[in-house]
Amino acid sequence: MQTKKIPLRKCTGCNEMKSKKELVRVVKNKEGEVSLDLTGKKAGRGAYVCNSLECLKKARKCRGFERAFSQRIDDEIYDQMESELSKNE
């Protein structure tokens, strides 16, 4: 009997490998818009972050999402993501 493999992703903030269910997906769509994807089903390039403001702030500081998406991300987008994450905690 084979056990089901758990998909792992790396948090952009703390760089720890965690199961996909523990992380929140951040997605960049075709238009280049970056947003939080709480369902995990939006179309586009995804990067992951822990479900904590601390990790999101680390990712912001080290420009993890900017590297993942190869584009500059405005402060307003980070602020929007922080407010969305704080609602979910």
PDB file of N, CA and C in Angstrom:
ATOM      1  N   MET A   1       0.839  -1.190   0.000  1.00  0.00           N
ATOM      2  CA  MET A   1       0.000   0.000   0.000  1.00  0.00           C
ATOM      3  C   MET A   1       0.881   1.250   0.000  1.00  0.00           C
ATOM      4  N   GLN A   2       0.571   2.161  -0.888  1.00  0.00           N
ATOM      5  CA  GLN A   2       1.390   3.357  -1.025  1.00  0.00           C
ATOM      6  C   GLN A   2       0.702   4.534  -0.340  1.00  0.00           C
ATOM      7  N   THR A   3       1.478   5.277   0.465  1.00  0.00           N
ATOM      8  CA  THR A   3       0.906   6.456   1.106  1.00  0.00           C
ATOM      9  C   THR A   3       0.907   7.609   0.108  1.00  0.00           C
ATOM     10  N   LYS A   4      -0.095   8.461   0.236  1.00  0.00           N
ATOM     11  CA  LYS A   4      -0.218   9.589  -0.674  1.00  0.00           C
ATOM     12  C   LYS A   4       0.858  10.625  -0.363  1.00  0.00           C
ATOM     13  N   LYS A   5       1.517  11.112  -1.407  1.00  0.00           N
ATOM     14  CA  LYS A   5       2.578  12.092  -1.247  1.00  0.00           C
ATOM     15  C   LYS A   5       1.972  13.464  -0.951  1.00  0.00           C
ATOM     16  N   ILE A   6       2.514  14.145   0.053  1.00  0.00           N
ATOM     17  CA  ILE A   6       2.017  15.469   0.427  1.00  0.00           C
ATOM     18  C   ILE A   6       2.820  16.514  -0.345  1.00  0.00           C
ATOM     19  N   PRO A   7       2.118  17.375  -1.120  1.00  0.00           N
ATOM     20  CA  PRO A   7       2.853  18.391  -1.880  1.00  0.00           C
ATOM     21  C   PRO A   7       3.468  19.438  -0.947  1.00  0.00           C
ATOM     22  N   LEU A   8       4.764  19.687  -1.125  1.00  0.00           N
ATOM     23  CA  LEU A   8       5.472  20.663  -0.300  1.00  0.00           C
ATOM     24  C   LEU A   8       5.805  21.895  -1.130  1.00  0.00           C
ATOM     25  N   ARG A   9       5.781  23.037  -0.483  1.00  0.00           N
ATOM     26  CA  ARG A   9       6.159  24.295  -1.122  1.00  0.00           C
ATOM     27  C   ARG A   9       7.037  25.069  -0.153  1.00  0.00           C
ATOM     28  N   LYS A  10       7.869  25.954  -0.698  1.00  0.00           N
ATOM     29  CA  LYS A  10       8.757  26.752   0.143  1.00  0.00           C
ATOM     30  C   LYS A  10       8.130  28.112   0.421  1.00  0.00           C
ATOM     31  N   CYS A  11       8.132  28.505   1.689  1.00  0.00           N
ATOM     32  CA  CYS A  11       7.627  29.819   2.077  1.00  0.00           C
ATOM     33  C   CYS A  11       8.615  30.873   1.592  1.00  0.00           C
ATOM     34  N   THR A  12       8.105  31.915   0.961  1.00  0.00           N
ATOM     35  CA  THR A  12       8.952  32.975   0.425  1.00  0.00           C
ATOM     36  C   THR A  12       9.561  33.819   1.540  1.00  0.00           C
ATOM     37  N   GLY A  13       8.940  33.801   2.720  1.00  0.00           N
ATOM     38  CA  GLY A  13       9.435  34.590   3.845  1.00  0.00           C
ATOM     39  C   GLY A  13      10.501  33.888   4.648  1.00  0.00           C
ATOM     40  N   CYS A  14      10.175  32.713   5.219  1.00  0.00           N
ATOM     41  CA  CYS A  14      11.100  32.017   6.118  1.00  0.00           C
ATOM     42  C   CYS A  14      11.923  30.936   5.413  1.00  0.00           C
ATOM     43  N   ASN A  15      11.633  30.689   4.132  1.00  0.00           N
ATOM     44  CA  ASN A  15      12.337  29.678   3.320  1.00  0.00           C
ATOM     45  C   ASN A  15      12.225  28.261   3.865  1.00  0.00           C
ATOM     46  N   GLU A  16      11.181  27.956   4.625  1.00  0.00           N
ATOM     47  CA  GLU A  16      10.968  26.596   5.130  1.00  0.00           C
ATOM     48  C   GLU A  16      10.033  25.856   4.198  1.00  0.00           C
ATOM     49  N   MET A  17      10.306  24.554   4.018  1.00  0.00           N
ATOM     50  CA  MET A  17       9.420  23.717   3.223  1.00  0.00           C
ATOM     51  C   MET A  17       8.257  23.282   4.116  1.00  0.00           C
ATOM     52  N   LYS A  18       7.041  23.528   3.654  1.00  0.00           N
ATOM     53  CA  LYS A  18       5.847  23.152   4.407  1.00  0.00           C
ATOM     54  C   LYS A  18       4.833  22.559   3.449  1.00  0.00           C
ATOM     55  N   SER A  19       3.833  21.883   4.019  1.00  0.00           N
ATOM     56  CA  SER A  19       2.797  21.326   3.145  1.00  0.00           C
ATOM     57  C   SER A  19       1.988  22.470   2.535  1.00  0.00           C
ATOM     58  N   LYS A  20       1.509  22.226   1.344  1.00  0.00           N
ATOM     59  CA  LYS A  20       0.787  23.241   0.584  1.00  0.00           C
ATOM     60  C   LYS A  20      -0.412  23.804   1.357  1.00  0.00           C
ATOM     61  N   LYS A  21      -1.045  22.948   2.168  1.00  0.00           N
ATOM     62  CA  LYS A  21      -2.233  23.362   2.919  1.00  0.00           C
ATOM     63  C   LYS A  21      -1.916  24.381   4.006  1.00  0.00           C
ATOM     64  N   GLU A  22      -0.680  24.383   4.518  1.00  0.00           N
ATOM     65  CA  GLU A  22      -0.287  25.313   5.580  1.00  0.00           C
ATOM     66  C   GLU A  22       0.032  26.700   5.044  1.00  0.00           C
ATOM     67  N   LEU A  23       0.231  26.805   3.729  1.00  0.00           N
ATOM     68  CA  LEU A  23       0.685  28.059   3.134  1.00  0.00           C
ATOM     69  C   LEU A  23      -0.430  28.771   2.385  1.00  0.00           C
ATOM     70  N   VAL A  24      -0.227  30.071   2.159  1.00  0.00           N
ATOM     71  CA  VAL A  24      -1.156  30.882   1.376  1.00  0.00           C
ATOM     72  C   VAL A  24      -0.468  31.184   0.042  1.00  0.00           C
ATOM     73  N   ARG A  25      -1.209  31.054  -1.041  1.00  0.00           N
ATOM     74  CA  ARG A  25      -0.646  31.286  -2.373  1.00  0.00           C
ATOM     75  C   ARG A  25      -0.784  32.757  -2.745  1.00  0.00           C
ATOM     76  N   VAL A  26       0.272  33.286  -3.332  1.00  0.00           N
ATOM     77  CA  VAL A  26       0.249  34.629  -3.901  1.00  0.00           C
ATOM     78  C   VAL A  26       0.415  34.420  -5.395  1.00  0.00           C
ATOM     79  N   VAL A  27      -0.439  35.045  -6.195  1.00  0.00           N
ATOM     80  CA  VAL A  27      -0.466  34.751  -7.627  1.00  0.00           C
ATOM     81  C   VAL A  27      -0.265  36.010  -8.466  1.00  0.00           C
ATOM     82  N   LYS A  28       0.431  35.829  -9.601  1.00  0.00           N
ATOM     83  CA  LYS A  28       0.591  36.901 -10.588  1.00  0.00           C
ATOM     84  C   LYS A  28      -0.140  36.444 -11.842  1.00  0.00           C
ATOM     85  N   ASN A  29      -1.133  37.208 -12.277  1.00  0.00           N
ATOM     86  CA  ASN A  29      -1.911  36.803 -13.457  1.00  0.00           C
ATOM     87  C   ASN A  29      -1.262  37.314 -14.744  1.00  0.00           C
ATOM     88  N   LYS A  30      -1.896  37.050 -15.873  1.00  0.00           N
ATOM     89  CA  LYS A  30      -1.341  37.427 -17.183  1.00  0.00           C
ATOM     90  C   LYS A  30      -1.122  38.929 -17.319  1.00  0.00           C
ATOM     91  N   GLU A  31      -1.959  39.708 -16.646  1.00  0.00           N
ATOM     92  CA  GLU A  31      -1.844  41.168 -16.720  1.00  0.00           C
ATOM     93  C   GLU A  31      -0.718  41.692 -15.825  1.00  0.00           C
ATOM     94  N   GLY A  32      -0.114  40.812 -15.031  1.00  0.00           N
ATOM     95  CA  GLY A  32       0.966  41.228 -14.146  1.00  0.00           C
ATOM     96  C   GLY A  32       0.485  41.703 -12.787  1.00  0.00           C
ATOM     97  N   GLU A  33      -0.801  41.495 -12.484  1.00  0.00           N
ATOM     98  CA  GLU A  33      -1.351  41.901 -11.185  1.00  0.00           C
ATOM     99  C   GLU A  33      -1.038  40.824 -10.151  1.00  0.00           C
ATOM    100  N   VAL A  34      -0.567  41.263  -8.986  1.00  0.00           N
ATOM    101  CA  VAL A  34      -0.212  40.340  -7.915  1.00  0.00           C
ATOM    102  C   VAL A  34      -1.281  40.429  -6.837  1.00  0.00           C
ATOM    103  N   SER A  35      -1.773  39.263  -6.372  1.00  0.00           N
ATOM    104  CA  SER A  35      -2.804  39.262  -5.331  1.00  0.00           C
ATOM    105  C   SER A  35      -2.727  37.987  -4.505  1.00  0.00           C
ATOM    106  N   LEU A  36      -3.365  38.026  -3.341  1.00  0.00           N
ATOM    107  CA  LEU A  36      -3.447  36.862  -2.468  1.00  0.00           C
ATOM    108  C   LEU A  36      -4.484  35.904  -3.030  1.00  0.00           C
ATOM    109  N   ASP A  37      -4.156  34.625  -3.058  1.00  0.00           N
ATOM    110  CA  ASP A  37      -5.078  33.615  -3.577  1.00  0.00           C
ATOM    111  C   ASP A  37      -5.423  32.658  -2.445  1.00  0.00           C
ATOM    112  N   LEU A  38      -6.477  32.962  -1.714  1.00  0.00           N
ATOM    113  CA  LEU A  38      -6.842  32.160  -0.549  1.00  0.00           C
ATOM    114  C   LEU A  38      -7.456  30.819  -0.935  1.00  0.00           C
ATOM    115  N   THR A  39      -7.994  30.721  -2.180  1.00  0.00           N
ATOM    116  CA  THR A  39      -8.591  29.458  -2.617  1.00  0.00           C
ATOM    117  C   THR A  39      -7.539  28.525  -3.207  1.00  0.00           C
ATOM    118  N   GLY A  40      -6.441  29.095  -3.720  1.00  0.00           N
ATOM    119  CA  GLY A  40      -5.395  28.287  -4.345  1.00  0.00           C
ATOM    120  C   GLY A  40      -5.749  27.857  -5.755  1.00  0.00           C
ATOM    121  N   LYS A  41      -6.769  28.481  -6.343  1.00  0.00           N
ATOM    122  CA  LYS A  41      -7.241  28.062  -7.653  1.00  0.00           C
ATOM    123  C   LYS A  41      -7.156  29.137  -8.739  1.00  0.00           C
ATOM    124  N   LYS A  42      -6.675  30.327  -8.400  1.00  0.00           N
ATOM    125  CA  LYS A  42      -6.571  31.387  -9.414  1.00  0.00           C
ATOM    126  C   LYS A  42      -5.526  31.015 -10.456  1.00  0.00           C
ATOM    127  N   ALA A  43      -5.765  31.458 -11.682  1.00  0.00           N
ATOM    128  CA  ALA A  43      -4.821  31.179 -12.762  1.00  0.00           C
ATOM    129  C   ALA A  43      -3.628  32.115 -12.662  1.00  0.00           C
ATOM    130  N   GLY A  44      -2.456  31.593 -12.968  1.00  0.00           N
ATOM    131  CA  GLY A  44      -1.261  32.426 -12.986  1.00  0.00           C
ATOM    132  C   GLY A  44      -0.104  31.795 -12.246  1.00  0.00           C
ATOM    133  N   ARG A  45       0.994  32.520 -12.197  1.00  0.00           N
ATOM    134  CA  ARG A  45       2.224  32.069 -11.529  1.00  0.00           C
ATOM    135  C   ARG A  45       2.054  32.219 -10.030  1.00  0.00           C
ATOM    136  N   GLY A  46       2.368  31.169  -9.288  1.00  0.00           N
ATOM    137  CA  GLY A  46       2.165  31.204  -7.845  1.00  0.00           C
ATOM    138  C   GLY A  46       3.454  31.177  -7.051  1.00  0.00           C
ATOM    139  N   ALA A  47       3.416  31.834  -5.898  1.00  0.00           N
ATOM    140  CA  ALA A  47       4.486  31.749  -4.902  1.00  0.00           C
ATOM    141  C   ALA A  47       3.768  31.591  -3.573  1.00  0.00           C
ATOM    142  N   TYR A  48       4.441  31.031  -2.590  1.00  0.00           N
ATOM    143  CA  TYR A  48       3.762  30.708  -1.340  1.00  0.00           C
ATOM    144  C   TYR A  48       4.388  31.420  -0.155  1.00  0.00           C
ATOM    145  N   VAL A  49       3.547  31.678   0.857  1.00  0.00           N
ATOM    146  CA  VAL A  49       4.001  32.306   2.094  1.00  0.00           C
ATOM    147  C   VAL A  49       3.199  31.697   3.242  1.00  0.00           C
ATOM    148  N   CYS A  50       3.819  31.610   4.423  1.00  0.00           N
ATOM    149  CA  CYS A  50       3.115  31.094   5.603  1.00  0.00           C
ATOM    150  C   CYS A  50       1.911  31.982   5.904  1.00  0.00           C
ATOM    151  N   ASN A  51       0.950  31.428   6.595  1.00  0.00           N
ATOM    152  CA  ASN A  51      -0.259  32.180   6.932  1.00  0.00           C
ATOM    153  C   ASN A  51      -0.001  33.073   8.150  1.00  0.00           C
ATOM    154  N   SER A  52       1.068  33.874   8.088  1.00  0.00           N
ATOM    155  CA  SER A  52       1.386  34.790   9.184  1.00  0.00           C
ATOM    156  C   SER A  52       1.925  36.100   8.627  1.00  0.00           C
ATOM    157  N   LEU A  53       1.606  37.185   9.318  1.00  0.00           N
ATOM    158  CA  LEU A  53       2.083  38.496   8.889  1.00  0.00           C
ATOM    159  C   LEU A  53       3.605  38.572   8.958  1.00  0.00           C
ATOM    160  N   GLU A  54       4.181  37.870   9.929  1.00  0.00           N
ATOM    161  CA  GLU A  54       5.626  37.887  10.123  1.00  0.00           C
ATOM    162  C   GLU A  54       6.353  37.410   8.864  1.00  0.00           C
ATOM    163  N   CYS A  55       5.896  36.297   8.303  1.00  0.00           N
ATOM    164  CA  CYS A  55       6.520  35.754   7.092  1.00  0.00           C
ATOM    165  C   CYS A  55       6.272  36.655   5.882  1.00  0.00           C
ATOM    166  N   LEU A  56       5.100  37.257   5.805  1.00  0.00           N
ATOM    167  CA  LEU A  56       4.807  38.167   4.696  1.00  0.00           C
ATOM    168  C   LEU A  56       5.731  39.378   4.767  1.00  0.00           C
ATOM    169  N   LYS A  57       5.985  39.876   5.975  1.00  0.00           N
ATOM    170  CA  LYS A  57       6.889  41.021   6.140  1.00  0.00           C
ATOM    171  C   LYS A  57       8.326  40.643   5.791  1.00  0.00           C
ATOM    172  N   LYS A  58       8.727  39.406   6.134  1.00  0.00           N
ATOM    173  CA  LYS A  58      10.070  38.934   5.758  1.00  0.00           C
ATOM    174  C   LYS A  58      10.193  38.850   4.238  1.00  0.00           C
ATOM    175  N   ALA A  59       9.153  38.331   3.590  1.00  0.00           N
ATOM    176  CA  ALA A  59       9.160  38.204   2.129  1.00  0.00           C
ATOM    177  C   ALA A  59       9.221  39.582   1.481  1.00  0.00           C
ATOM    178  N   ARG A  60       8.547  40.546   2.099  1.00  0.00           N
ATOM    179  CA  ARG A  60       8.557  41.921   1.589  1.00  0.00           C
ATOM    180  C   ARG A  60       9.951  42.528   1.728  1.00  0.00           C
ATOM    181  N   LYS A  61      10.570  42.284   2.878  1.00  0.00           N
ATOM    182  CA  LYS A  61      11.891  42.857   3.166  1.00  0.00           C
ATOM    183  C   LYS A  61      12.968  42.291   2.235  1.00  0.00           C
ATOM    184  N   CYS A  62      12.940  40.975   2.008  1.00  0.00           N
ATOM    185  CA  CYS A  62      13.981  40.357   1.162  1.00  0.00           C
ATOM    186  C   CYS A  62      13.570  40.293  -0.308  1.00  0.00           C
ATOM    187  N   ARG A  63      12.443  40.908  -0.643  1.00  0.00           N
ATOM    188  CA  ARG A  63      11.926  40.970  -2.019  1.00  0.00           C
ATOM    189  C   ARG A  63      11.738  39.580  -2.647  1.00  0.00           C
ATOM    190  N   GLY A  64      11.245  38.652  -1.856  1.00  0.00           N
ATOM    191  CA  GLY A  64      11.039  37.285  -2.329  1.00  0.00           C
ATOM    192  C   GLY A  64      10.038  37.175  -3.459  1.00  0.00           C
ATOM    193  N   PHE A  65       8.920  37.889  -3.346  1.00  0.00           N
ATOM    194  CA  PHE A  65       7.899  37.823  -4.401  1.00  0.00           C
ATOM    195  C   PHE A  65       8.386  38.514  -5.671  1.00  0.00           C
ATOM    196  N   GLU A  66       9.159  39.578  -5.507  1.00  0.00           N
ATOM    197  CA  GLU A  66       9.671  40.285  -6.676  1.00  0.00           C
ATOM    198  C   GLU A  66      10.603  39.377  -7.474  1.00  0.00           C
ATOM    199  N   ARG A  67      11.383  38.548  -6.766  1.00  0.00           N
ATOM    200  CA  ARG A  67      12.248  37.586  -7.445  1.00  0.00           C
ATOM    201  C   ARG A  67      11.418  36.474  -8.082  1.00  0.00           C
ATOM    202  N   ALA A  68      10.412  35.997  -7.371  1.00  0.00           N
ATOM    203  CA  ALA A  68       9.581  34.901  -7.876  1.00  0.00           C
ATOM    204  C   ALA A  68       8.811  35.310  -9.129  1.00  0.00           C
ATOM    205  N   PHE A  69       8.343  36.552  -9.162  1.00  0.00           N
ATOM    206  CA  PHE A  69       7.526  37.015 -10.281  1.00  0.00           C
ATOM    207  C   PHE A  69       8.293  37.852 -11.296  1.00  0.00           C
ATOM    208  N   SER A  70       9.578  38.106 -11.054  1.00  0.00           N
ATOM    209  CA  SER A  70      10.432  38.907 -11.943  1.00  0.00           C
ATOM    210  C   SER A  70       9.825  40.264 -12.279  1.00  0.00           C
ATOM    211  N   GLN A  71       9.285  40.922 -11.274  1.00  0.00           N
ATOM    212  CA  GLN A  71       8.742  42.272 -11.465  1.00  0.00           C
ATOM    213  C   GLN A  71       8.698  42.993 -10.123  1.00  0.00           C
ATOM    214  N   ARG A  72       8.643  44.340 -10.193  1.00  0.00           N
ATOM    215  CA  ARG A  72       8.567  45.130  -8.977  1.00  0.00           C
ATOM    216  C   ARG A  72       7.133  45.116  -8.458  1.00  0.00           C
ATOM    217  N   ILE A  73       6.985  45.033  -7.137  1.00  0.00           N
ATOM    218  CA  ILE A  73       5.646  45.000  -6.546  1.00  0.00           C
ATOM    219  C   ILE A  73       5.471  46.252  -5.701  1.00  0.00           C
ATOM    220  N   ASP A  74       4.390  46.983  -5.954  1.00  0.00           N
ATOM    221  CA  ASP A  74       4.124  48.233  -5.246  1.00  0.00           C
ATOM    222  C   ASP A  74       3.816  47.994  -3.775  1.00  0.00           C
ATOM    223  N   ASP A  75       4.117  49.004  -2.957  1.00  0.00           N
ATOM    224  CA  ASP A  75       3.851  48.926  -1.524  1.00  0.00           C
ATOM    225  C   ASP A  75       2.365  48.743  -1.241  1.00  0.00           C
ATOM    226  N   GLU A  76       1.505  49.347  -2.090  1.00  0.00           N
ATOM    227  CA  GLU A  76       0.055  49.224  -1.887  1.00  0.00           C
ATOM    228  C   GLU A  76      -0.386  47.759  -1.951  1.00  0.00           C
ATOM    229  N   ILE A  77       0.224  46.996  -2.852  1.00  0.00           N
ATOM    230  CA  ILE A  77      -0.141  45.584  -3.002  1.00  0.00           C
ATOM    231  C   ILE A  77       0.264  44.814  -1.749  1.00  0.00           C
ATOM    232  N   TYR A  78       1.480  45.104  -1.233  1.00  0.00           N
ATOM    233  CA  TYR A  78       1.920  44.463   0.005  1.00  0.00           C
ATOM    234  C   TYR A  78       0.991  44.832   1.160  1.00  0.00           C
ATOM    235  N   ASP A  79       0.608  46.112   1.247  1.00  0.00           N
ATOM    236  CA  ASP A  79      -0.289  46.560   2.318  1.00  0.00           C
ATOM    237  C   ASP A  79      -1.635  45.852   2.222  1.00  0.00           C
ATOM    238  N   GLN A  80      -2.132  45.707   0.996  1.00  0.00           N
ATOM    239  CA  GLN A  80      -3.404  45.015   0.762  1.00  0.00           C
ATOM    240  C   GLN A  80      -3.307  43.555   1.210  1.00  0.00           C
ATOM    241  N   MET A  81      -2.188  42.892   0.857  1.00  0.00           N
ATOM    242  CA  MET A  81      -1.999  41.495   1.241  1.00  0.00           C
ATOM    243  C   MET A  81      -1.897  41.369   2.757  1.00  0.00           C
ATOM    244  N   GLU A  82      -1.210  42.318   3.414  1.00  0.00           N
ATOM    245  CA  GLU A  82      -1.082  42.284   4.874  1.00  0.00           C
ATOM    246  C   GLU A  82      -2.445  42.423   5.546  1.00  0.00           C
ATOM    247  N   SER A  83      -3.288  43.314   5.031  1.00  0.00           N
ATOM    248  CA  SER A  83      -4.612  43.493   5.648  1.00  0.00           C
ATOM    249  C   SER A  83      -5.487  42.251   5.427  1.00  0.00           C
ATOM    250  N   GLU A  84      -5.380  41.616   4.248  1.00  0.00           N
ATOM    251  CA  GLU A  84      -6.147  40.393   3.972  1.00  0.00           C
ATOM    252  C   GLU A  84      -5.691  39.256   4.887  1.00  0.00           C
ATOM    253  N   LEU A  85      -4.368  39.139   5.077  1.00  0.00           N
ATOM    254  CA  LEU A  85      -3.820  38.077   5.923  1.00  0.00           C
ATOM    255  C   LEU A  85      -4.212  38.285   7.375  1.00  0.00           C
ATOM    256  N   SER A  86      -4.195  39.531   7.835  1.00  0.00           N
ATOM    257  CA  SER A  86      -4.542  39.799   9.233  1.00  0.00           C
ATOM    258  C   SER A  86      -6.002  39.456   9.529  1.00  0.00           C
ATOM    259  N   LYS A  87      -6.879  39.552   8.513  1.00  0.00           N
ATOM    260  CA  LYS A  87      -8.286  39.143   8.684  1.00  0.00           C
ATOM    261  C   LYS A  87      -8.398  37.640   8.887  1.00  0.00           C
ATOM    262  N   ASN A  88      -7.521  36.891   8.208  1.00  0.00           N
ATOM    263  CA  ASN A  88      -7.588  35.420   8.253  1.00  0.00           C
ATOM    264  C   ASN A  88      -6.967  34.803   9.473  1.00  0.00           C
ATOM    265  N   GLU A  89      -6.075  35.511  10.156  1.00  0.00           N
ATOM    266  CA  GLU A  89      -5.367  34.924  11.305  1.00  0.00           C
ATOM    267  C   GLU A  89      -6.290  34.635  12.462  1.00  0.00           C
TER     268      GLU A  89
END
